[in-house]
Protein backbone atom coordinates (compact mmCIF):
# COMPACT_ATOMS: atom_id res chain seq x y z
CA MET A 1 -53.24 21.64 35.98
CA THR A 2 -50.40 22.84 38.51
CA HIS A 3 -46.66 22.12 38.13
CA ALA A 4 -47.02 19.33 40.72
CA GLN A 5 -49.91 17.99 39.13
CA GLN A 6 -48.23 17.57 35.60
CA ALA A 7 -48.18 14.39 33.81
CA PRO A 8 -44.77 12.53 34.46
CA HIS A 9 -42.33 12.29 31.59
CA GLN A 10 -43.07 9.58 29.25
CA PRO A 11 -39.55 8.20 28.11
CA ASP A 12 -39.05 7.84 24.28
CA ILE A 13 -38.02 4.38 24.02
CA SER A 14 -37.25 4.48 20.31
CA ARG A 15 -34.87 7.44 21.04
CA ALA A 16 -32.84 5.77 24.23
CA LEU A 17 -32.39 2.61 22.09
CA ARG A 18 -31.32 4.21 18.72
CA ALA A 19 -28.63 2.48 17.34
CA ALA A 20 -25.28 4.14 17.02
CA ALA A 21 -24.43 5.82 13.87
CA ARG A 22 -21.53 3.49 12.83
CA VAL A 23 -23.86 0.44 12.78
CA GLN A 24 -25.47 1.78 9.59
CA ALA A 25 -22.29 1.05 7.87
CA ILE A 26 -22.32 -2.54 8.81
CA GLU A 27 -24.40 -4.77 6.42
CA PRO A 28 -25.82 -7.88 7.45
CA PHE A 29 -23.76 -10.92 6.93
CA ARG A 30 -25.43 -12.81 3.88
CA VAL A 31 -23.92 -16.08 4.42
CA MET A 32 -25.70 -16.26 7.84
CA GLU A 33 -28.96 -15.23 6.16
CA ILE A 34 -28.92 -18.31 3.61
CA MET A 35 -27.62 -20.44 6.81
CA LYS A 36 -31.02 -19.37 8.17
CA ALA A 37 -32.98 -20.31 4.85
CA ALA A 38 -31.44 -23.75 4.32
CA SER A 39 -32.17 -24.44 8.08
CA ALA A 40 -35.80 -23.56 7.39
CA ALA A 41 -35.91 -25.78 4.36
CA ALA A 42 -34.30 -28.58 6.24
CA LYS A 43 -36.72 -28.24 9.25
CA ALA A 44 -39.66 -28.47 6.33
CA GLY A 45 -38.43 -31.87 5.27
CA VAL A 46 -35.90 -30.74 2.66
CA ASP A 47 -32.67 -32.60 2.40
CA VAL A 48 -30.38 -29.65 2.04
CA ILE A 49 -26.69 -30.06 0.99
CA SER A 50 -25.06 -27.02 2.59
CA MET A 51 -22.21 -25.58 0.48
CA SER A 52 -22.83 -22.19 1.99
CA VAL A 53 -20.67 -21.76 5.28
CA GLY A 54 -16.63 -22.15 5.55
CA GLU A 55 -16.78 -24.38 8.32
CA PRO A 56 -14.89 -27.76 7.73
CA ASP A 57 -17.00 -30.90 8.22
CA PHE A 58 -14.04 -32.54 10.48
CA THR A 59 -13.96 -31.60 14.13
CA ALA A 60 -10.85 -31.76 16.69
CA PRO A 61 -8.92 -34.84 16.53
CA GLU A 62 -8.87 -36.94 19.40
CA LEU A 63 -5.82 -35.68 21.27
CA VAL A 64 -7.22 -32.10 21.15
CA THR A 65 -10.50 -33.12 22.73
CA GLU A 66 -9.03 -35.39 25.23
CA ALA A 67 -6.66 -32.39 26.43
CA ALA A 68 -10.01 -30.28 26.54
CA VAL A 69 -11.47 -32.96 28.82
CA ARG A 70 -8.23 -33.23 30.97
CA ALA A 71 -8.29 -29.32 31.50
CA ILE A 72 -11.67 -29.18 32.66
CA ARG A 73 -10.98 -32.25 35.12
CA ASP A 74 -7.96 -30.99 36.40
CA GLY A 75 -9.74 -27.58 36.99
CA ALA A 76 -7.45 -25.54 34.47
CA THR A 77 -10.58 -23.29 33.63
CA GLN A 78 -9.53 -20.10 35.38
CA TYR A 79 -8.47 -16.73 33.51
CA THR A 80 -5.12 -16.96 31.85
CA ASP A 81 -2.90 -13.72 30.62
CA ALA A 82 -4.67 -11.44 28.14
CA LEU A 83 -1.79 -12.48 25.69
CA GLY A 84 -2.35 -16.19 26.15
CA LEU A 85 -0.66 -19.22 27.82
CA PRO A 86 2.95 -18.92 27.56
CA ALA A 87 3.08 -22.85 26.56
CA LEU A 88 0.62 -21.99 23.82
CA ARG A 89 2.49 -18.87 22.61
CA GLU A 90 5.74 -21.07 22.63
CA ALA A 91 3.83 -23.90 20.50
CA ILE A 92 2.70 -21.40 17.94
CA ALA A 93 6.20 -19.92 17.42
CA GLY A 94 7.82 -23.27 17.25
CA HIS A 95 4.88 -24.34 14.33
CA TYR A 96 6.13 -21.35 12.52
CA ARG A 97 9.95 -22.73 12.69
CA THR A 98 8.74 -26.13 11.53
CA ALA A 99 6.04 -25.73 9.21
CA PHE A 100 7.02 -22.39 7.43
CA GLY A 101 10.81 -21.97 8.31
CA VAL A 102 10.23 -18.57 10.05
CA GLU A 103 11.87 -17.84 13.29
CA VAL A 104 8.98 -16.02 15.50
CA ASP A 105 9.59 -14.48 18.97
CA PRO A 106 7.00 -16.07 21.24
CA ARG A 107 6.61 -12.65 23.09
CA ARG A 108 5.35 -11.31 19.70
CA VAL A 109 2.42 -14.03 19.55
CA ILE A 110 -0.97 -13.06 20.80
CA VAL A 111 -3.53 -15.63 21.45
CA THR A 112 -7.10 -14.22 20.75
CA ALA A 113 -10.59 -15.13 20.76
CA GLY A 114 -10.65 -16.38 17.28
CA ALA A 115 -9.14 -14.76 14.32
CA SER A 116 -11.97 -12.33 14.49
CA ALA A 117 -11.02 -10.97 17.71
CA GLY A 118 -7.43 -10.82 16.28
CA LEU A 119 -8.66 -8.55 13.45
CA LEU A 120 -10.71 -6.56 15.70
CA LEU A 121 -7.84 -5.87 17.93
CA ALA A 122 -5.45 -5.27 14.96
CA CYS A 123 -7.88 -2.63 13.56
CA ALA A 124 -8.53 -1.16 17.01
CA ALA A 125 -4.64 -0.57 17.43
CA LEU A 126 -3.97 0.70 14.07
CA VAL A 127 -7.03 2.33 12.40
CA CYS A 128 -8.31 6.11 13.18
CA GLU A 129 -10.98 8.18 12.25
CA GLY A 130 -11.13 8.89 8.82
CA ASP A 131 -8.28 6.34 7.86
CA GLU A 132 -8.72 4.56 4.58
CA VAL A 133 -7.63 0.92 4.36
CA LEU A 134 -7.23 -0.71 1.00
CA MET A 135 -8.62 -4.43 0.52
CA PRO A 136 -9.08 -6.45 -2.70
CA ASP A 137 -12.75 -6.93 -3.96
CA PRO A 138 -13.91 -9.43 -3.53
CA SER A 139 -12.76 -10.10 0.09
CA TYR A 140 -14.10 -11.43 3.48
CA PRO A 141 -17.10 -8.86 4.27
CA CYS A 142 -16.43 -8.84 8.06
CA ASN A 143 -12.97 -7.04 7.22
CA ARG A 144 -14.37 -3.89 5.86
CA HIS A 145 -16.50 -3.76 9.14
CA PHE A 146 -13.94 -4.01 11.21
CA VAL A 147 -12.48 -1.12 9.70
CA SER A 148 -15.78 0.79 9.82
CA ALA A 149 -16.22 -0.01 13.70
CA PHE A 150 -12.93 2.05 14.37
CA GLY A 151 -14.20 5.10 12.33
CA GLY A 152 -12.03 4.16 9.09
CA LYS A 153 -13.04 3.76 5.59
CA ALA A 154 -12.73 0.13 3.71
CA VAL A 155 -11.78 1.00 0.05
CA LEU A 156 -12.66 -2.05 -1.96
CA VAL A 157 -10.33 -2.12 -4.95
CA PRO A 158 -11.49 -4.24 -7.72
CA SER A 159 -9.09 -7.22 -8.72
CA SER A 160 -9.72 -9.41 -11.61
CA ALA A 161 -9.01 -13.06 -12.37
CA GLU A 162 -5.57 -11.81 -14.16
CA GLN A 163 -4.70 -10.66 -10.69
CA ARG A 164 -5.92 -13.78 -8.98
CA TYR A 165 -8.43 -11.51 -7.31
CA GLN A 166 -5.80 -10.47 -5.02
CA LEU A 167 -4.61 -6.88 -3.86
CA THR A 168 -1.29 -6.29 -6.12
CA ALA A 169 1.60 -3.75 -5.51
CA GLU A 170 0.46 -1.97 -8.72
CA LEU A 171 -3.15 -1.83 -7.53
CA ALA A 172 -2.27 -0.36 -4.27
CA ALA A 173 0.08 2.08 -5.42
CA GLN A 174 -2.95 3.13 -7.94
CA ARG A 175 -5.41 3.78 -5.06
CA TRP A 176 -2.99 4.84 -2.24
CA THR A 177 -3.96 8.46 -1.41
CA GLU A 178 -3.16 11.13 1.70
CA CYS A 179 -5.96 9.30 3.74
CA THR A 180 -4.74 5.63 3.13
CA ARG A 181 -3.17 4.06 6.37
CA GLY A 182 -2.75 0.64 5.26
CA ILE A 183 -4.00 -2.59 3.85
CA ILE A 184 -5.72 -6.03 4.75
CA VAL A 185 -5.33 -8.91 2.40
CA ALA A 186 -5.91 -12.75 2.86
CA SER A 187 -3.65 -15.56 1.50
CA PRO A 188 -5.21 -18.00 0.82
CA SER A 189 -8.53 -15.70 0.40
CA ASN A 190 -12.09 -16.07 1.42
CA PRO A 191 -14.32 -16.12 -0.94
CA THR A 192 -11.84 -17.00 -3.94
CA GLY A 193 -9.57 -19.53 -2.31
CA THR A 194 -6.36 -17.85 -4.16
CA SER A 195 -2.93 -16.97 -2.73
CA LEU A 196 -0.20 -14.24 -3.46
CA THR A 197 2.81 -15.90 -4.36
CA VAL A 198 5.74 -15.12 -2.34
CA GLU A 199 6.89 -12.63 -5.07
CA GLN A 200 3.56 -10.71 -5.22
CA MET A 201 3.32 -10.56 -1.41
CA GLY A 202 6.89 -9.33 -1.18
CA GLY A 203 6.34 -6.62 -3.73
CA LEU A 204 2.84 -5.61 -2.12
CA LEU A 205 4.72 -5.35 1.36
CA ALA A 206 7.53 -3.25 -0.05
CA GLU A 207 4.85 -0.89 -1.65
CA VAL A 208 3.17 -0.45 1.45
CA ARG A 209 6.31 0.06 3.80
CA ALA A 210 7.64 2.52 1.18
CA ARG A 211 4.57 4.64 1.83
CA ASP A 212 4.61 4.15 5.60
CA GLY A 213 1.30 1.97 5.70
CA PHE A 214 0.79 -0.92 7.87
CA ALA A 215 -0.09 -4.35 6.50
CA ILE A 216 -2.49 -6.77 8.10
CA VAL A 217 -2.28 -10.33 6.40
CA ASP A 218 -5.18 -12.76 7.21
CA GLU A 219 -3.31 -16.21 6.92
CA ILE A 220 -6.16 -18.21 8.49
CA TYR A 221 -6.22 -20.72 5.51
CA GLN A 222 -2.54 -20.85 5.54
CA GLY A 223 -2.01 -24.65 6.25
CA LEU A 224 -4.80 -25.67 3.59
CA SER A 225 -2.53 -24.89 0.33
CA TYR A 226 -2.90 -27.55 -2.26
CA ASP A 227 -0.65 -26.52 -5.15
CA HIS A 228 2.75 -25.06 -3.54
CA ALA A 229 4.15 -25.33 -0.17
CA PRO A 230 2.44 -22.80 2.36
CA HIS A 231 4.37 -19.65 3.20
CA SER A 232 3.89 -16.85 5.60
CA ALA A 233 4.39 -13.07 5.35
CA LEU A 234 6.43 -13.18 8.32
CA ARG A 235 9.41 -14.70 5.98
CA LEU A 236 9.33 -11.21 4.16
CA ASP A 237 8.64 -8.29 6.29
CA ASP A 238 9.03 -8.39 10.27
CA HIS A 239 6.70 -5.42 10.54
CA VAL A 240 3.48 -7.09 8.98
CA ILE A 241 0.79 -8.01 11.35
CA THR A 242 -0.39 -11.67 10.33
CA VAL A 243 -3.84 -13.18 11.56
CA ASN A 244 -4.26 -16.80 12.05
CA SER A 245 -7.01 -19.26 13.67
CA PHE A 246 -7.36 -22.89 14.89
CA SER A 247 -10.79 -22.96 13.24
CA LYS A 248 -9.82 -23.83 9.68
CA TYR A 249 -6.59 -26.16 9.42
CA PHE A 250 -7.04 -27.03 12.86
CA ASN A 251 -10.91 -27.87 12.60
CA MET A 252 -11.85 -25.86 15.81
CA THR A 253 -14.36 -23.51 14.62
CA GLY A 254 -16.45 -23.33 17.62
CA TRP A 255 -13.75 -23.21 20.45
CA ARG A 256 -13.03 -19.62 19.19
CA LEU A 257 -9.38 -19.57 19.37
CA GLY A 258 -6.84 -17.70 16.97
CA TRP A 259 -3.63 -15.61 17.25
CA LEU A 260 -1.92 -12.42 16.02
CA VAL A 261 1.89 -12.22 15.37
CA VAL A 262 2.67 -8.27 15.73
CA PRO A 263 5.65 -6.37 15.45
CA GLU A 264 7.25 -5.99 19.13
CA GLN A 265 6.49 -2.61 19.75
CA LEU A 266 2.63 -3.39 19.16
CA VAL A 267 2.43 -6.02 21.34
CA SER A 268 2.01 -3.80 24.59
CA VAL A 269 -0.56 -1.66 22.87
CA ILE A 270 -2.70 -4.90 21.85
CA GLU A 271 -2.25 -6.35 25.40
CA LYS A 272 -3.97 -3.45 26.80
CA LEU A 273 -6.99 -3.75 24.37
CA ALA A 274 -7.27 -7.41 24.70
CA GLN A 275 -7.44 -6.75 28.67
CA ASN A 276 -10.09 -4.29 28.23
CA LEU A 277 -12.14 -6.00 25.52
CA PHE A 278 -11.77 -9.91 25.84
CA ILE A 279 -9.99 -10.46 29.38
CA CYS A 280 -8.44 -13.45 27.86
CA PRO A 281 -8.98 -16.33 25.37
CA SER A 282 -11.01 -19.35 26.30
CA THR A 283 -8.63 -21.12 28.87
CA VAL A 284 -10.04 -24.41 28.22
CA ALA A 285 -9.76 -24.15 24.14
CA GLN A 286 -5.91 -23.00 24.68
CA HIS A 287 -5.07 -26.19 26.75
CA ALA A 288 -6.83 -28.20 24.02
CA ALA A 289 -4.92 -26.20 21.26
CA LEU A 290 -1.48 -27.23 22.64
CA ALA A 291 -2.28 -30.80 21.48
CA CYS A 292 -2.97 -29.48 18.01
CA PHE A 293 1.01 -29.50 17.49
CA HIS A 294 1.42 -33.00 18.78
CA PRO A 295 2.92 -34.93 15.71
CA ASP A 296 0.01 -37.45 15.59
CA SER A 297 -2.38 -34.49 15.49
CA ILE A 298 -0.42 -32.86 12.54
CA ALA A 299 -0.42 -36.02 10.34
CA VAL A 300 -4.36 -36.14 11.01
CA TYR A 301 -4.66 -32.61 9.71
CA GLU A 302 -2.45 -33.41 6.74
CA GLN A 303 -4.61 -36.21 5.86
CA ARG A 304 -7.60 -34.00 5.87
CA ARG A 305 -5.82 -31.42 3.78
CA LEU A 306 -5.30 -34.04 1.17
CA GLU A 307 -9.08 -34.72 1.36
CA PHE A 308 -9.93 -31.12 0.66
CA LYS A 309 -7.54 -30.96 -2.32
CA ARG A 310 -9.45 -34.20 -3.74
CA ARG A 311 -12.59 -32.49 -3.13
CA ARG A 312 -11.50 -29.41 -4.96
CA ASP A 313 -10.07 -31.56 -7.88
CA PHE A 314 -13.45 -32.83 -8.65
CA PHE A 315 -15.76 -29.90 -7.77
CA VAL A 316 -14.11 -27.38 -9.75
CA PRO A 317 -14.08 -29.18 -13.26
CA ALA A 318 -17.60 -30.01 -12.31
CA LEU A 319 -18.70 -26.72 -11.99
CA ARG A 320 -17.29 -25.96 -15.26
CA GLN A 321 -18.84 -28.53 -17.02
CA LEU A 322 -22.24 -27.16 -15.28
CA GLY A 323 -21.65 -23.77 -17.16
CA PHE A 324 -19.94 -21.94 -14.30
CA GLY A 325 -17.14 -19.66 -14.88
CA VAL A 326 -14.05 -20.55 -12.84
CA PRO A 327 -11.29 -18.56 -14.57
CA VAL A 328 -8.79 -19.27 -11.83
CA MET A 329 -7.99 -22.52 -10.01
CA PRO A 330 -8.06 -22.10 -6.22
CA ASP A 331 -5.05 -23.00 -4.59
CA GLY A 332 -6.27 -23.04 -0.87
CA ALA A 333 -8.81 -22.70 1.69
CA PHE A 334 -12.05 -24.33 0.47
CA TYR A 335 -14.10 -22.16 -1.43
CA VAL A 336 -14.71 -21.52 -5.29
CA TYR A 337 -15.69 -18.37 -6.49
CA ALA A 338 -17.70 -18.70 -9.81
CA ASP A 339 -19.50 -16.75 -12.29
CA CYS A 340 -22.91 -17.78 -12.53
CA SER A 341 -24.00 -15.43 -15.42
CA GLY A 342 -23.83 -18.29 -18.14
CA VAL A 343 -25.61 -21.01 -16.38
CA ALA A 344 -28.60 -22.12 -18.02
CA HIS A 345 -31.23 -20.73 -15.59
CA PRO A 346 -33.60 -17.89 -15.94
CA ALA A 347 -32.30 -16.25 -12.70
CA SER A 348 -28.65 -16.68 -13.32
CA GLY A 349 -28.10 -12.97 -13.90
CA ASP A 350 -29.00 -12.17 -10.52
CA SER A 351 -26.75 -14.18 -8.05
CA SER A 352 -29.09 -13.49 -4.95
CA ALA A 353 -32.14 -14.68 -6.96
CA PHE A 354 -30.17 -17.80 -8.35
CA VAL A 355 -29.13 -18.76 -4.98
CA MET A 356 -32.55 -19.02 -3.55
CA ALA A 357 -33.88 -20.88 -6.60
CA VAL A 358 -30.89 -23.55 -6.53
CA LEU A 359 -31.99 -24.08 -2.70
CA ARG A 360 -35.79 -23.99 -3.61
CA GLU A 361 -35.39 -26.22 -6.48
CA ALA A 362 -32.32 -28.55 -5.90
CA GLY A 363 -32.00 -28.41 -2.17
CA VAL A 364 -28.24 -27.09 -2.49
CA ALA A 365 -27.43 -24.19 -0.51
CA PHE A 366 -24.16 -21.61 -1.53
CA VAL A 367 -23.76 -17.91 -1.08
CA PRO A 368 -24.40 -14.89 -3.89
CA GLY A 369 -21.43 -12.24 -4.29
CA ASP A 370 -22.96 -9.62 -2.74
CA ASP A 371 -21.23 -10.43 0.75
CA PHE A 372 -17.86 -9.84 -0.76
CA GLY A 373 -17.63 -6.44 -2.33
CA VAL A 374 -19.21 -4.55 -5.06
CA ALA A 375 -17.52 -5.43 -8.29
CA ALA A 376 -19.89 -7.63 -10.26
CA PRO A 377 -21.40 -9.23 -7.12
CA HIS A 378 -24.60 -9.98 -9.10
CA ARG A 379 -22.64 -12.40 -11.53
CA HIS A 380 -20.92 -14.53 -9.05
CA VAL A 381 -21.68 -16.84 -6.11
CA ARG A 382 -19.13 -18.68 -3.58
CA PHE A 383 -19.41 -22.37 -3.10
CA SER A 384 -17.78 -23.96 -0.11
CA TYR A 385 -16.53 -27.39 -0.78
CA ALA A 386 -16.01 -28.12 3.28
CA THR A 387 -18.26 -31.09 3.32
CA ALA A 388 -18.02 -34.79 2.48
CA TYR A 389 -16.97 -35.77 -0.67
CA GLY A 390 -20.14 -38.08 -1.56
CA ARG A 391 -22.12 -34.72 -0.63
CA ILE A 392 -20.55 -32.92 -3.05
CA GLU A 393 -21.20 -35.41 -5.70
CA GLU A 394 -24.72 -35.54 -5.05
CA ALA A 395 -24.70 -31.46 -4.97
CA VAL A 396 -23.29 -31.59 -8.52
CA HIS A 397 -25.97 -34.36 -9.82
CA ARG A 398 -28.87 -32.23 -8.59
CA MET A 399 -27.47 -28.97 -10.07
CA GLY A 400 -27.11 -31.09 -13.14
CA LYS A 401 -30.50 -32.28 -13.30
CA LEU A 402 -31.72 -28.76 -12.47
CA LEU A 403 -29.42 -26.69 -15.14
CA ASN A 404 -29.27 -29.24 -17.91
CA GLY A 405 -32.73 -31.22 -17.63
């Protein structure tokens, strides 16, 4: 066969479409996998009580939905500035003043396409190849993947019930190396619902600052505090980067809207990244969010916050009576991180198997500890009480029948 007659090159599709190496470091989000299993059970006719996903059963109040409809009707649907609507940045700054007693320059507020986009932008701005970032174990799984996406390494620091499952100044000092670039913490936390006290946060930020590190503080559950007045890390250190969201306290999960507050010298850096990665957040969601800060809306949110507290106050003692270990009362968010190893069930020594068994045998969905770290995840499960009080009562009843006969 002559050169001209040779068979054409056959492309190797598997080689052409091979995933980038960074993807190997990103694990599946098991919360979503449990949701799929629960959805399949529901389609098969099972009445599933979902206590897996961290999504309020409440939705946006009337003033917010009316503002969204008005924006659509008025044609306010085109691109905004990459940093967000000036009026919304002003409103967020005003909220810090009235709710938390913190003065924030609106120029430092950056509206994002959800808190996830905010965390992504913060990591893109600060994490370099090979940088180590400390975070507590357990913690929200996506945080470590945001670090990995930019070539960094998430260092999970085991934290105990005595430390309220939080990263402390002492733990940070012990684990800090020449490769450590900063920390990511959440207060209140997912999955534990625990917060750093003002004193603990102050000590941690001082430790990080003394080592010339950055601190990213996830405050998306900040408004959902039950045993003390909510506080922001911004009261303690102007150089901290805080992340917040309209999803949890403001009940706008699917609207995908959040914000960052960053030091002034980072604003132009984040703006450049936001322009290229996201263009801008949802315009309609931004116009709707302006109504979140109306006094009538805040009154609704506060009623709902007290309802979440009522659920917590019922559910945590009920779990303890069922044999779950809950050594720390969650003071915020809507999660309980529980030790299932002492529960009377054959699968209780393996949280993944236990979760699937309870879903199959009792129709109650929650998630194993595998998502949240490597410190004894087989012993731990996370419940979300972001569902109706009556459904929580029914979930306790079903698990009681299963576990206690």
